[in-house]
């Protein structure tokens, strides 16, 4: 069970109240000690009034400190700019932020030394969303429909960059590697299954293959309704799949994945947790654990807290996660 507090929350909730809940839930926040004032750290794509140009030339903006923004300027909105367009230097950047491979090596070594998995991840939006950010969503959809030949060259450029990152993490001794990006909308995916199979899936499989060959655990993430893409997403060696619960359906997730891949369940942030009762929140977590978990394992769960959820519901969710954390261990 993992409970992630988005940094925007520290500008929304009273610090003492939120910290008190963290101290009261030591299984979710082991060893946490309250401080007088939390100073939230916002990433370069989470700073209001500070547009950020990433290493691909995409310009990000956000309206709220702590909430990841969106790309408002696409470097290849016009294909005329493609000639001479280059990928970032993977020695200096992960494609979104600056990176220090020496620091990454220390982080992975420290994890191993403490008996934990050495976990690596590509930037969120490593392939499909990278194309969206570079070209713009509407342009990209027309590229796929029209069979634009330069699109394959752009995909190759992105894939080659990603392959360098994957190999660096393998060489540094990572045990686990995550490939996160969103493919789903509220209903259905952002691209057709046919276009996913033609343009995105082959690249996914090629950047996953080196990790699988070296025995790393492969984790894939997507928000949204991914039911029509699910088989293609896990094809090629995905062992852990992070997907949202209610938009895909708990019963569908059970029928599709229990006993086949580890389900890393993303807990509802749209209906029950922000607007339901504490009893409904408890019932949701219990249902998910009962239907998707087992004594053999195969289930992890994560909740992301964002501003707007009543504190009584935050407490109810923390209570439920700790209550059912050991459901199958008795």
Foldseek 3Di string as FASTA:
>chain_A
DEEAEQLLVLVFDPLVLVLVLLVVQCVHVPPDDRDPGDDGDADQQQDAPRWDQFQQRFTHHDHGHRDGTATPDAQPLDVVSVVVRAQGDLCADLRGGGDHLVVLLVQQVVQVVVVHFSEEERDACQAPNVCCRRHNLVRVQVCLVVVPVVLQVVRVRSLVSLLVVLVSCVVSPGQAYEYHYAQADLPGGSHDLVSCVVRPLVSVLVSCVVCVVSNHAYEYEYEHACVVPVVSNCPNPHAEYEYEDPSPHLVVCLVPPAVNHQYAYEYDPDDCLQPNDLVVLLVVLVVNCVRRAELVGRYHYYYYDDPRRDSNSVSSNSVSCVVCVCVHVD
